[in-house]
C-alpha atoms as a PDB file:
ATOM      1  CA  MET A   1     -18.096   7.304  -1.554  1.00  0.00           C
ATOM      2  CA  SER A   2     -15.631  10.270  -2.205  1.00  0.00           C
ATOM      3  CA  THR A   3     -13.089   9.391  -4.810  1.00  0.00           C
ATOM      4  CA  TYR A   4     -10.467  10.624  -2.362  1.00  0.00           C
ATOM      5  CA  ILE A   5     -11.387   7.921   0.066  1.00  0.00           C
ATOM      6  CA  GLU A   6     -11.597   5.427  -2.837  1.00  0.00           C
ATOM      7  CA  SER A   7      -7.971   6.498  -3.814  1.00  0.00           C
ATOM      8  CA  ILE A   8      -6.752   6.046  -0.245  1.00  0.00           C
ATOM      9  CA  ILE A   9      -8.238   2.511  -0.071  1.00  0.00           C
ATOM     10  CA  LEU A  10      -6.756   1.538  -3.492  1.00  0.00           C
ATOM     11  CA  GLY A  11      -3.404   2.999  -2.480  1.00  0.00           C
ATOM     12  CA  ILE A  12      -3.507   0.745   0.683  1.00  0.00           C
ATOM     13  CA  VAL A  13      -4.264  -2.303  -1.400  1.00  0.00           C
ATOM     14  CA  GLU A  14      -1.619  -1.569  -3.944  1.00  0.00           C
ATOM     15  CA  GLY A  15       0.995  -1.064  -1.224  1.00  0.00           C
ATOM     16  CA  LEU A  16       0.026  -4.247   0.553  1.00  0.00           C
ATOM     17  CA  THR A  17      -0.063  -6.465  -2.492  1.00  0.00           C
ATOM     18  CA  GLU A  18       2.415  -5.141  -5.044  1.00  0.00           C
ATOM     19  CA  PHE A  19       5.450  -7.095  -3.742  1.00  0.00           C
ATOM     20  CA  LEU A  20       3.574  -9.942  -2.205  1.00  0.00           C
ATOM     21  CA  PRO A  21       3.224 -12.867  -4.492  1.00  0.00           C
ATOM     22  CA  VAL A  22      -0.582 -12.581  -4.474  1.00  0.00           C
ATOM     23  CA  SER A  23      -1.280 -10.263  -7.577  1.00  0.00           C
ATOM     24  CA  SER A  24      -1.913  -6.520  -6.992  1.00  0.00           C
ATOM     25  CA  THR A  25      -3.780  -6.628 -10.286  1.00  0.00           C
ATOM     26  CA  ALA A  26      -6.405  -8.982  -9.061  1.00  0.00           C
ATOM     27  CA  HIS A  27      -6.700  -7.297  -5.603  1.00  0.00           C
ATOM     28  CA  LEU A  28      -7.237  -3.847  -7.140  1.00  0.00           C
ATOM     29  CA  ARG A  29      -9.797  -5.195  -9.516  1.00  0.00           C
ATOM     30  CA  ILE A  30     -11.733  -6.971  -6.678  1.00  0.00           C
ATOM     31  CA  THR A  31     -11.511  -3.850  -4.668  1.00  0.00           C
ATOM     32  CA  GLU A  32     -12.824  -1.656  -7.507  1.00  0.00           C
ATOM     33  CA  ALA A  33     -15.583  -4.064  -8.174  1.00  0.00           C
ATOM     34  CA  LEU A  34     -16.615  -3.923  -4.405  1.00  0.00           C
ATOM     35  CA  MET A  35     -16.613  -0.125  -4.541  1.00  0.00           C
ATOM     36  CA  ARG A  36     -18.558  -0.081  -7.776  1.00  0.00           C
ATOM     37  CA  ILE A  37     -15.811   1.662  -9.858  1.00  0.00           C
ATOM     38  CA  PRO A  38     -16.369   1.057 -13.535  1.00  0.00           C
ATOM     39  CA  LEU A  39     -13.767  -1.531 -14.541  1.00  0.00           C
ATOM     40  CA  ASN A  40     -13.633  -0.452 -18.046  1.00  0.00           C
ATOM     41  CA  ASP A  41     -13.244   3.394 -17.272  1.00  0.00           C
ATOM     42  CA  ALA A  42     -10.178   4.489 -18.999  1.00  0.00           C
ATOM     43  CA  TYR A  43      -9.023   6.864 -16.161  1.00  0.00           C
ATOM     44  CA  TRP A  44      -9.239   3.983 -13.448  1.00  0.00           C
ATOM     45  CA  LYS A  45      -7.569   1.586 -15.743  1.00  0.00           C
ATOM     46  CA  MET A  46      -4.610   4.108 -15.937  1.00  0.00           C
ATOM     47  CA  TYR A  47      -4.869   4.922 -12.256  1.00  0.00           C
ATOM     48  CA  THR A  48      -4.305   1.322 -11.267  1.00  0.00           C
ATOM     49  CA  ILE A  49      -1.014   1.239 -13.114  1.00  0.00           C
ATOM     50  CA  VAL A  50       0.359   4.527 -12.349  1.00  0.00           C
ATOM     51  CA  ILE A  51      -0.069   4.312  -8.606  1.00  0.00           C
ATOM     52  CA  GLN A  52       2.322   1.485  -8.772  1.00  0.00           C
ATOM     53  CA  PHE A  53       4.982   4.272  -9.012  1.00  0.00           C
ATOM     54  CA  GLY A  54       4.550   4.928  -5.301  1.00  0.00           C
ATOM     55  CA  ALA A  55       5.259   1.416  -4.370  1.00  0.00           C
ATOM     56  CA  ILE A  56       8.411   1.250  -6.559  1.00  0.00           C
ATOM     57  CA  LEU A  57       9.750   4.427  -5.080  1.00  0.00           C
ATOM     58  CA  ALA A  58       9.491   2.825  -1.780  1.00  0.00           C
ATOM     59  CA  LEU A  59      11.472  -0.333  -3.026  1.00  0.00           C
ATOM     60  CA  MET A  60      14.034   1.883  -4.697  1.00  0.00           C
ATOM     61  CA  LEU A  61      14.531   3.785  -1.347  1.00  0.00           C
ATOM     62  CA  LEU A  62      14.940   0.582   0.627  1.00  0.00           C
ATOM     63  CA  PHE A  63      17.282  -0.798  -2.078  1.00  0.00           C
ATOM     64  CA  LEU A  64      19.078   2.309  -2.818  1.00  0.00           C
ATOM     65  CA  GLU A  65      22.485   1.267  -1.196  1.00  0.00           C
ATOM     66  CA  ARG A  66      22.438  -2.061  -2.953  1.00  0.00           C
ATOM     67  CA  ILE A  67      21.638  -0.565  -6.235  1.00  0.00           C
ATOM     68  CA  ILE A  68      24.364   2.060  -5.906  1.00  0.00           C
ATOM     69  CA  ASP A  69      26.859  -0.707  -4.996  1.00  0.00           C
ATOM     70  CA  PHE A  70      25.919  -2.767  -8.011  1.00  0.00           C
ATOM     71  CA  ILE A  71      26.420   0.261 -10.393  1.00  0.00           C
ATOM     72  CA  ARG A  72      29.657   1.421  -8.766  1.00  0.00           C
ATOM     73  CA  SER A  73      31.110  -2.219  -8.958  1.00  0.00           C
ATOM     74  CA  PHE A  74      30.112  -2.750 -12.661  1.00  0.00           C
ATOM     75  CA  PRO A  75      31.505  -4.696 -14.441  1.00  0.00           C
ATOM     76  CA  GLU A  76      34.243  -6.245 -12.244  1.00  0.00           C
ATOM     77  CA  GLY A  77      32.143  -6.512  -9.135  1.00  0.00           C
ATOM     78  CA  ASP A  78      33.478  -5.968  -5.466  1.00  0.00           C
ATOM     79  CA  ASP A  79      35.464  -9.300  -5.674  1.00  0.00           C
ATOM     80  CA  GLY A  80      36.943  -8.583  -9.151  1.00  0.00           C
ATOM     81  CA  ARG A  81      35.649 -11.793 -10.460  1.00  0.00           C
ATOM     82  CA  HIS A  82      32.801 -10.691 -12.719  1.00  0.00           C
ATOM     83  CA  THR A  83      32.555  -9.564 -16.118  1.00  0.00           C
ATOM     84  CA  TRP A  84      30.049  -7.444 -18.088  1.00  0.00           C
ATOM     85  CA  SER A  85      28.146 -10.884 -18.844  1.00  0.00           C
ATOM     86  CA  ASN A  86      27.574 -11.972 -15.426  1.00  0.00           C
ATOM     87  CA  HIS A  87      27.393  -9.050 -13.296  1.00  0.00           C
ATOM     88  CA  PRO A  88      24.148  -8.342 -11.478  1.00  0.00           C
ATOM     89  CA  VAL A  89      23.364  -5.240 -13.510  1.00  0.00           C
ATOM     90  CA  THR A  90      23.646  -6.992 -16.851  1.00  0.00           C
ATOM     91  CA  ILE A  91      21.541  -9.950 -15.600  1.00  0.00           C
ATOM     92  CA  THR A  92      18.827  -7.779 -14.310  1.00  0.00           C
ATOM     93  CA  LEU A  93      18.720  -5.683 -17.549  1.00  0.00           C
ATOM     94  CA  ALA A  94      18.755  -8.932 -19.701  1.00  0.00           C
ATOM     95  CA  ALA A  95      15.828 -10.308 -17.636  1.00  0.00           C
ATOM     96  CA  PHE A  96      14.013  -6.999 -18.192  1.00  0.00           C
ATOM     97  CA  VAL A  97      14.313  -7.127 -21.888  1.00  0.00           C
ATOM     98  CA  CYS A  98      13.249 -10.853 -22.008  1.00  0.00           C
ATOM     99  CA  THR A  99      10.082  -9.757 -20.149  1.00  0.00           C
ATOM    100  CA  SER A 100       9.293  -6.442 -21.963  1.00  0.00           C
ATOM    101  CA  VAL A 101       9.547  -7.545 -25.480  1.00  0.00           C
ATOM    102  CA  PRO A 102       7.118 -10.490 -25.366  1.00  0.00           C
ATOM    103  CA  ALA A 103       4.784  -8.408 -22.949  1.00  0.00           C
ATOM    104  CA  LEU A 104       4.514  -5.607 -25.451  1.00  0.00           C
ATOM    105  CA  LEU A 105       3.867  -7.878 -28.317  1.00  0.00           C
ATOM    106  CA  LEU A 106       1.097  -9.755 -26.478  1.00  0.00           C
ATOM    107  CA  HIS A 107      -0.404  -6.984 -24.434  1.00  0.00           C
ATOM    108  CA  LYS A 108      -3.350  -6.123 -26.558  1.00  0.00           C
ATOM    109  CA  TRP A 109      -4.273  -9.862 -26.913  1.00  0.00           C
ATOM    110  CA  SER A 110      -4.086 -10.453 -23.231  1.00  0.00           C
ATOM    111  CA  GLU A 111      -6.148  -7.315 -22.401  1.00  0.00           C
ATOM    112  CA  ARG A 112      -8.850  -8.496 -24.782  1.00  0.00           C
ATOM    113  CA  ASN A 113      -8.957 -12.104 -23.823  1.00  0.00           C
ATOM    114  CA  LEU A 114      -7.681 -12.508 -20.446  1.00  0.00           C
ATOM    115  CA  GLY A 115      -8.947  -9.558 -18.399  1.00  0.00           C
ATOM    116  CA  SER A 116     -12.082 -11.189 -16.968  1.00  0.00           C
ATOM    117  CA  LEU A 117     -12.573 -11.991 -13.313  1.00  0.00           C
ATOM    118  CA  THR A 118     -12.660 -15.746 -14.245  1.00  0.00           C
ATOM    119  CA  ALA A 119      -9.324 -15.598 -15.844  1.00  0.00           C
ATOM    120  CA  MET A 120      -7.769 -13.784 -12.919  1.00  0.00           C
ATOM    121  CA  SER A 121      -9.299 -16.291 -10.515  1.00  0.00           C
ATOM    122  CA  LEU A 122      -7.839 -19.225 -12.432  1.00  0.00           C
ATOM    123  CA  ALA A 123      -4.447 -17.459 -12.481  1.00  0.00           C
ATOM    124  CA  LEU A 124      -4.557 -17.118  -8.712  1.00  0.00           C
ATOM    125  CA  LEU A 125      -5.598 -20.567  -8.109  1.00  0.00           C
ATOM    126  CA  ILE A 126      -3.069 -22.265 -10.546  1.00  0.00           C
ATOM    127  CA  GLY A 127      -0.335 -19.961  -9.499  1.00  0.00           C
ATOM    128  CA  GLY A 128      -0.871 -20.794  -5.831  1.00  0.00           C
ATOM    129  CA  ILE A 129      -0.537 -24.604  -6.559  1.00  0.00           C
ATOM    130  CA  VAL A 130       2.601 -24.043  -8.555  1.00  0.00           C
ATOM    131  CA  MET A 131       4.101 -21.789  -5.945  1.00  0.00           C
ATOM    132  CA  TRP A 132       3.294 -24.220  -3.028  1.00  0.00           C
ATOM    133  CA  LEU A 133       4.810 -27.170  -4.994  1.00  0.00           C
ATOM    134  CA  VAL A 134       7.958 -25.152  -5.808  1.00  0.00           C
ATOM    135  CA  ASP A 135       8.345 -23.863  -2.379  1.00  0.00           C
ATOM    136  CA  TRP A 136       7.956 -27.415  -0.903  1.00  0.00           C
ATOM    137  CA  ARG A 137      10.435 -28.818  -3.257  1.00  0.00           C
ATOM    138  CA  THR A 138      12.956 -26.063  -2.546  1.00  0.00           C
ATOM    139  CA  SER A 139      12.653 -26.470   1.254  1.00  0.00           C
ATOM    140  CA  ARG A 140      13.822 -30.083   0.920  1.00  0.00           C
ATOM    141  CA  TYR A 141      17.074 -29.302  -0.828  1.00  0.00           C
ATOM    142  CA  GLU A 142      19.899 -26.888  -0.153  1.00  0.00           C
ATOM    143  CA  ALA A 143      19.929 -24.088  -2.863  1.00  0.00           C
ATOM    144  CA  ASP A 144      22.791 -23.691  -5.248  1.00  0.00           C
ATOM    145  CA  ILE A 145      22.734 -19.953  -5.253  1.00  0.00           C
ATOM    146  CA  ASN A 146      22.373 -18.024  -1.982  1.00  0.00           C
ATOM    147  CA  GLU A 147      23.294 -14.550  -3.412  1.00  0.00           C
ATOM    148  CA  VAL A 148      22.291 -12.432  -6.411  1.00  0.00           C
ATOM    149  CA  GLU A 149      25.950 -11.908  -7.092  1.00  0.00           C
ATOM    150  CA  LYS A 150      26.446 -15.577  -7.884  1.00  0.00           C
ATOM    151  CA  MET A 151      23.635 -15.820 -10.484  1.00  0.00           C
ATOM    152  CA  SER A 152      24.420 -16.567 -14.145  1.00  0.00           C
ATOM    153  CA  LEU A 153      23.108 -14.724 -17.181  1.00  0.00           C
ATOM    154  CA  GLY A 154      21.126 -17.853 -18.022  1.00  0.00           C
ATOM    155  CA  GLN A 155      19.279 -17.867 -14.799  1.00  0.00           C
ATOM    156  CA  GLY A 156      18.372 -14.155 -15.254  1.00  0.00           C
ATOM    157  CA  ILE A 157      17.078 -14.761 -18.705  1.00  0.00           C
ATOM    158  CA  TRP A 158      15.038 -17.657 -17.452  1.00  0.00           C
ATOM    159  CA  ILE A 159      13.445 -15.667 -14.716  1.00  0.00           C
ATOM    160  CA  GLY A 160      12.733 -12.733 -17.145  1.00  0.00           C
ATOM    161  CA  LEU A 161      10.967 -15.088 -19.632  1.00  0.00           C
ATOM    162  CA  CYS A 162       8.758 -16.436 -16.605  1.00  0.00           C
ATOM    163  CA  GLN A 163       7.861 -12.996 -15.523  1.00  0.00           C
ATOM    164  CA  THR A 164       6.235 -12.527 -18.971  1.00  0.00           C
ATOM    165  CA  LEU A 165       3.514 -14.832 -17.539  1.00  0.00           C
ATOM    166  CA  SER A 166       2.348 -12.109 -15.153  1.00  0.00           C
ATOM    167  CA  ALA A 167       2.255  -9.520 -17.969  1.00  0.00           C
ATOM    168  CA  VAL A 168       0.285 -11.811 -20.298  1.00  0.00           C
ATOM    169  CA  PHE A 169      -2.046 -13.425 -17.583  1.00  0.00           C
ATOM    170  CA  PRO A 170      -3.418 -10.904 -15.107  1.00  0.00           C
ATOM    171  CA  GLY A 171      -3.525 -12.517 -11.754  1.00  0.00           C
ATOM    172  CA  VAL A 172      -0.331 -14.626 -12.093  1.00  0.00           C
ATOM    173  CA  SER A 173       1.594 -11.927 -10.101  1.00  0.00           C
ATOM    174  CA  ARG A 174       4.999 -10.673 -11.225  1.00  0.00           C
ATOM    175  CA  SER A 175       6.419 -11.533  -7.711  1.00  0.00           C
ATOM    176  CA  MET A 176       5.058 -15.041  -7.914  1.00  0.00           C
ATOM    177  CA  SER A 177       6.293 -15.706 -11.274  1.00  0.00           C
ATOM    178  CA  THR A 178       9.871 -14.369 -10.550  1.00  0.00           C
ATOM    179  CA  ILE A 179      10.191 -16.027  -7.153  1.00  0.00           C
ATOM    180  CA  ALA A 180       9.041 -19.460  -8.196  1.00  0.00           C
ATOM    181  CA  ALA A 181      11.191 -19.242 -11.397  1.00  0.00           C
ATOM    182  CA  GLY A 182      14.206 -18.284  -9.231  1.00  0.00           C
ATOM    183  CA  GLN A 183      13.678 -21.226  -6.878  1.00  0.00           C
ATOM    184  CA  ILE A 184      13.398 -23.723  -9.962  1.00  0.00           C
ATOM    185  CA  ALA A 185      16.602 -22.078 -11.262  1.00  0.00           C
ATOM    186  CA  GLY A 186      18.331 -23.023  -7.814  1.00  0.00           C
ATOM    187  CA  LEU A 187      18.155 -19.845  -5.973  1.00  0.00           C
ATOM    188  CA  SER A 188      17.560 -19.814  -2.308  1.00  0.00           C
ATOM    189  CA  ARG A 189      14.382 -18.063  -1.063  1.00  0.00           C
ATOM    190  CA  PRO A 190      16.136 -14.910  -0.011  1.00  0.00           C
ATOM    191  CA  ALA A 191      18.096 -14.723  -3.219  1.00  0.00           C
ATOM    192  CA  ALA A 192      15.105 -15.274  -5.379  1.00  0.00           C
ATOM    193  CA  LEU A 193      13.202 -12.776  -3.441  1.00  0.00           C
ATOM    194  CA  GLU A 194      15.898 -10.175  -3.827  1.00  0.00           C
ATOM    195  CA  PHE A 195      16.379 -10.620  -7.537  1.00  0.00           C
ATOM    196  CA  SER A 196      12.523 -10.196  -7.821  1.00  0.00           C
ATOM    197  CA  PHE A 197      12.667  -6.943  -6.161  1.00  0.00           C
ATOM    198  CA  LEU A 198      15.600  -5.811  -8.506  1.00  0.00           C
ATOM    199  CA  LEU A 199      13.843  -6.955 -11.607  1.00  0.00           C
ATOM    200  CA  SER A 200      10.759  -5.197 -10.509  1.00  0.00           C
ATOM    201  CA  ILE A 201      12.350  -1.834 -10.613  1.00  0.00           C
ATOM    202  CA  PRO A 202      12.939  -1.512 -14.321  1.00  0.00           C
ATOM    203  CA  THR A 203       9.873  -3.462 -15.208  1.00  0.00           C
ATOM    204  CA  MET A 204       7.526  -1.293 -13.085  1.00  0.00           C
ATOM    205  CA  VAL A 205       9.075   1.957 -13.957  1.00  0.00           C
ATOM    206  CA  ALA A 206       8.809   1.193 -17.759  1.00  0.00           C
ATOM    207  CA  ALA A 207       5.261  -0.046 -17.515  1.00  0.00           C
ATOM    208  CA  THR A 208       4.033   2.817 -15.358  1.00  0.00           C
ATOM    209  CA  ALA A 209       5.737   5.545 -17.421  1.00  0.00           C
ATOM    210  CA  TRP A 210       4.559   3.941 -20.664  1.00  0.00           C
ATOM    211  CA  ASP A 211       0.925   3.838 -19.581  1.00  0.00           C
ATOM    212  CA  PHE A 212       0.906   7.258 -17.990  1.00  0.00           C
ATOM    213  CA  ILE A 213       2.391   8.995 -21.130  1.00  0.00           C
ATOM    214  CA  LYS A 214       0.038   6.956 -23.526  1.00  0.00           C
ATOM    215  CA  THR A 215      -2.913   8.022 -21.411  1.00  0.00           C
ATOM    216  CA  VAL A 216      -2.200  11.759 -20.772  1.00  0.00           C
ATOM    217  CA  HIS A 217      -0.693  12.612 -24.059  1.00  0.00           C
ATOM    218  CA  GLY A 218      -2.526  10.234 -26.310  1.00  0.00           C
ATOM    219  CA  HIS A 219      -0.964   7.533 -28.501  1.00  0.00           C
ATOM    220  CA  ALA A 220      -1.801   6.299 -31.990  1.00  0.00           C
ATOM    221  CA  GLY A 221      -3.707   3.081 -31.612  1.00  0.00           C
ATOM    222  CA  ALA A 222      -3.904   3.346 -27.698  1.00  0.00           C
ATOM    223  CA  GLY A 223      -7.748   3.081 -27.834  1.00  0.00           C
ATOM    224  CA  ALA A 224      -9.708   4.219 -24.866  1.00  0.00           C
ATOM    225  CA  ALA A 225      -6.659   4.929 -22.848  1.00  0.00           C
ATOM    226  CA  ALA A 226      -5.775   7.865 -25.165  1.00  0.00           C
ATOM    227  CA  GLU A 227      -9.256   9.417 -24.495  1.00  0.00           C
ATOM    228  CA  VAL A 228      -8.641  10.194 -20.819  1.00  0.00           C
ATOM    229  CA  SER A 229      -8.599  13.884 -19.944  1.00  0.00           C
ATOM    230  CA  MET A 230      -6.985  15.033 -16.761  1.00  0.00           C
ATOM    231  CA  ASN A 231      -8.143  17.807 -14.423  1.00  0.00           C
ATOM    232  CA  GLY A 232      -7.359  18.956 -10.906  1.00  0.00           C
ATOM    233  CA  GLU A 233      -9.349  16.501  -8.997  1.00  0.00           C
ATOM    234  CA  ARG A 234      -8.064  13.543 -11.026  1.00  0.00           C
ATOM    235  CA  TRP A 235      -4.483  14.662 -10.477  1.00  0.00           C
ATOM    236  CA  ILE A 236      -5.088  14.927  -6.737  1.00  0.00           C
ATOM    237  CA  VAL A 237      -6.708  11.520  -6.672  1.00  0.00           C
ATOM    238  CA  LEU A 238      -3.782   9.989  -8.490  1.00  0.00           C
ATOM    239  CA  LEU A 239      -1.303  11.608  -6.340  1.00  0.00           C
ATOM    240  CA  ILE A 240      -3.176  10.418  -3.138  1.00  0.00           C
ATOM    241  CA  GLY A 241      -2.900   6.856  -4.490  1.00  0.00           C
ATOM    242  CA  MET A 242       0.780   7.036  -5.118  1.00  0.00           C
ATOM    243  CA  VAL A 243       1.631   8.620  -1.816  1.00  0.00           C
ATOM    244  CA  VAL A 244      -0.481   6.082   0.136  1.00  0.00           C
ATOM    245  CA  SER A 245       0.909   3.041  -1.794  1.00  0.00           C
ATOM    246  CA  PHE A 246       4.587   4.328  -1.091  1.00  0.00           C
ATOM    247  CA  VAL A 247       3.968   4.439   2.583  1.00  0.00           C
ATOM    248  CA  VAL A 248       2.354   1.086   2.839  1.00  0.00           C
ATOM    249  CA  ALA A 249       4.816  -0.750   0.555  1.00  0.00           C
ATOM    250  CA  TYR A 250       7.798   0.677   2.530  1.00  0.00           C
ATOM    251  CA  GLY A 251       6.595  -1.198   5.458  1.00  0.00           C
ATOM    252  CA  VAL A 252       5.471  -4.244   3.689  1.00  0.00           C
ATOM    253  CA  VAL A 253       8.756  -4.791   1.931  1.00  0.00           C
ATOM    254  CA  GLU A 254      10.851  -5.027   5.094  1.00  0.00           C
ATOM    255  CA  TRP A 255       8.187  -7.326   6.739  1.00  0.00           C
ATOM    256  CA  PHE A 256       8.122  -9.559   3.632  1.00  0.00           C
ATOM    257  CA  LEU A 257      11.829 -10.070   3.764  1.00  0.00           C
ATOM    258  CA  TYR A 258      11.816 -11.002   7.337  1.00  0.00           C
ATOM    259  CA  TRP A 259       8.868 -13.405   6.899  1.00  0.00           C
ATOM    260  CA  VAL A 260      10.395 -15.192   3.993  1.00  0.00           C
ATOM    261  CA  ARG A 261      13.649 -15.792   5.740  1.00  0.00           C
ATOM    262  CA  LYS A 262      11.870 -17.340   8.703  1.00  0.00           C
ATOM    263  CA  HIS A 263       8.855 -19.125   7.009  1.00  0.00           C
ATOM    264  CA  GLY A 264       9.064 -19.218   3.325  1.00  0.00           C
ATOM    265  CA  PHE A 265       6.223 -18.696   0.747  1.00  0.00           C
ATOM    266  CA  ALA A 266       3.667 -21.393   1.730  1.00  0.00           C
ATOM    267  CA  ILE A 267       1.155 -19.030   3.515  1.00  0.00           C
ATOM    268  CA  PHE A 268       1.022 -16.911   0.355  1.00  0.00           C
ATOM    269  CA  ALA A 269       0.408 -19.936  -2.044  1.00  0.00           C
ATOM    270  CA  PHE A 270      -2.370 -21.143   0.484  1.00  0.00           C
ATOM    271  CA  TYR A 271      -3.975 -17.584   0.368  1.00  0.00           C
ATOM    272  CA  ARG A 272      -3.912 -17.675  -3.531  1.00  0.00           C
ATOM    273  CA  ILE A 273      -5.607 -20.971  -3.580  1.00  0.00           C
ATOM    274  CA  VAL A 274      -8.347 -20.110  -1.241  1.00  0.00           C
ATOM    275  CA  LEU A 275      -8.939 -16.659  -2.855  1.00  0.00           C
ATOM    276  CA  GLY A 276      -8.973 -18.061  -6.364  1.00  0.00           C
ATOM    277  CA  SER A 277     -11.354 -20.804  -5.516  1.00  0.00           C
ATOM    278  CA  ALA A 278     -13.733 -18.461  -3.695  1.00  0.00           C
ATOM    279  CA  LEU A 279     -13.722 -16.003  -6.599  1.00  0.00           C
ATOM    280  CA  LEU A 280     -14.505 -18.871  -9.141  1.00  0.00           C
ATOM    281  CA  LEU A 281     -17.308 -20.006  -6.815  1.00  0.00           C
ATOM    282  CA  TRP A 282     -18.896 -16.635  -5.774  1.00  0.00           C
ATOM    283  CA  GLY A 283     -17.007 -13.788  -7.599  1.00  0.00           C
ATOM    284  CA  ALA A 284     -19.668 -13.239 -10.399  1.00  0.00           C
ATOM    285  CA  LYS A 285     -22.502 -13.225  -7.661  1.00  0.00           C
ATOM    286  CA  PHE A 286     -20.892 -10.842  -5.159  1.00  0.00           C
ATOM    287  CA  LEU A 287     -18.723  -8.677  -7.477  1.00  0.00           C
ATOM    288  CA  GLY A 288     -20.864  -8.490 -10.586  1.00  0.00           C
ATOM    289  CA  ALA A 289     -17.973  -8.992 -12.720  1.00  0.00           C
END
């Protein structure tokens, strides 16, 4: 199969799954295994992270007005009742720090010990069960927080720490961990989803930029990632993946917001449980990983 076609397929998978609570990492790995792309190839490992930039650009475009409004109103807020410590900008940045520091410290250990298909399958299954239980509980009670503007700094820190699970355990899903953590903290479904989107912007930009710089320019101690050499074809393949993920993600985010307001997250939890169980039973046989 042409590498350009492979990139289009992977871009579609990335755009479809990045913001859904189903783990884009696991779905990209499954797709790469099905297409017999070497899972340990340094270029493709970098590729699966960098094409996320296309998806995050789509999210930034969709939320541009909201982001500008938050920055403009800092620190008092539009209602004049906020301070620097409880403004959405501060809360988002605090959550990002609480995610990034542990993730950086544990990254190598996680990559070495938890990158197997079995570990991802377990993360999908367990995460699906947790998500279903949390969403079921949330649906029975009225949420305390219906808007991101009403969140506290403590709630943001809690969600940021929970997002670390997705960085340490591939297959957990950044969206799943932040949405479930938000619901546990008292946020409504739409509020938990919106904060998950906002937090994903600095998180994904930082992760994508770091891996891209480390790969292309080399980095002491970076291992195999520093050995990647880029040529014209590889740049085009990477660009195709980013463009496709941008287009697909743009449509998915708006659909996801609509679906959650109407139906909640149960269908995604069920999907995770089914997929995780199927991978545990037959993944090694059919994917050879």
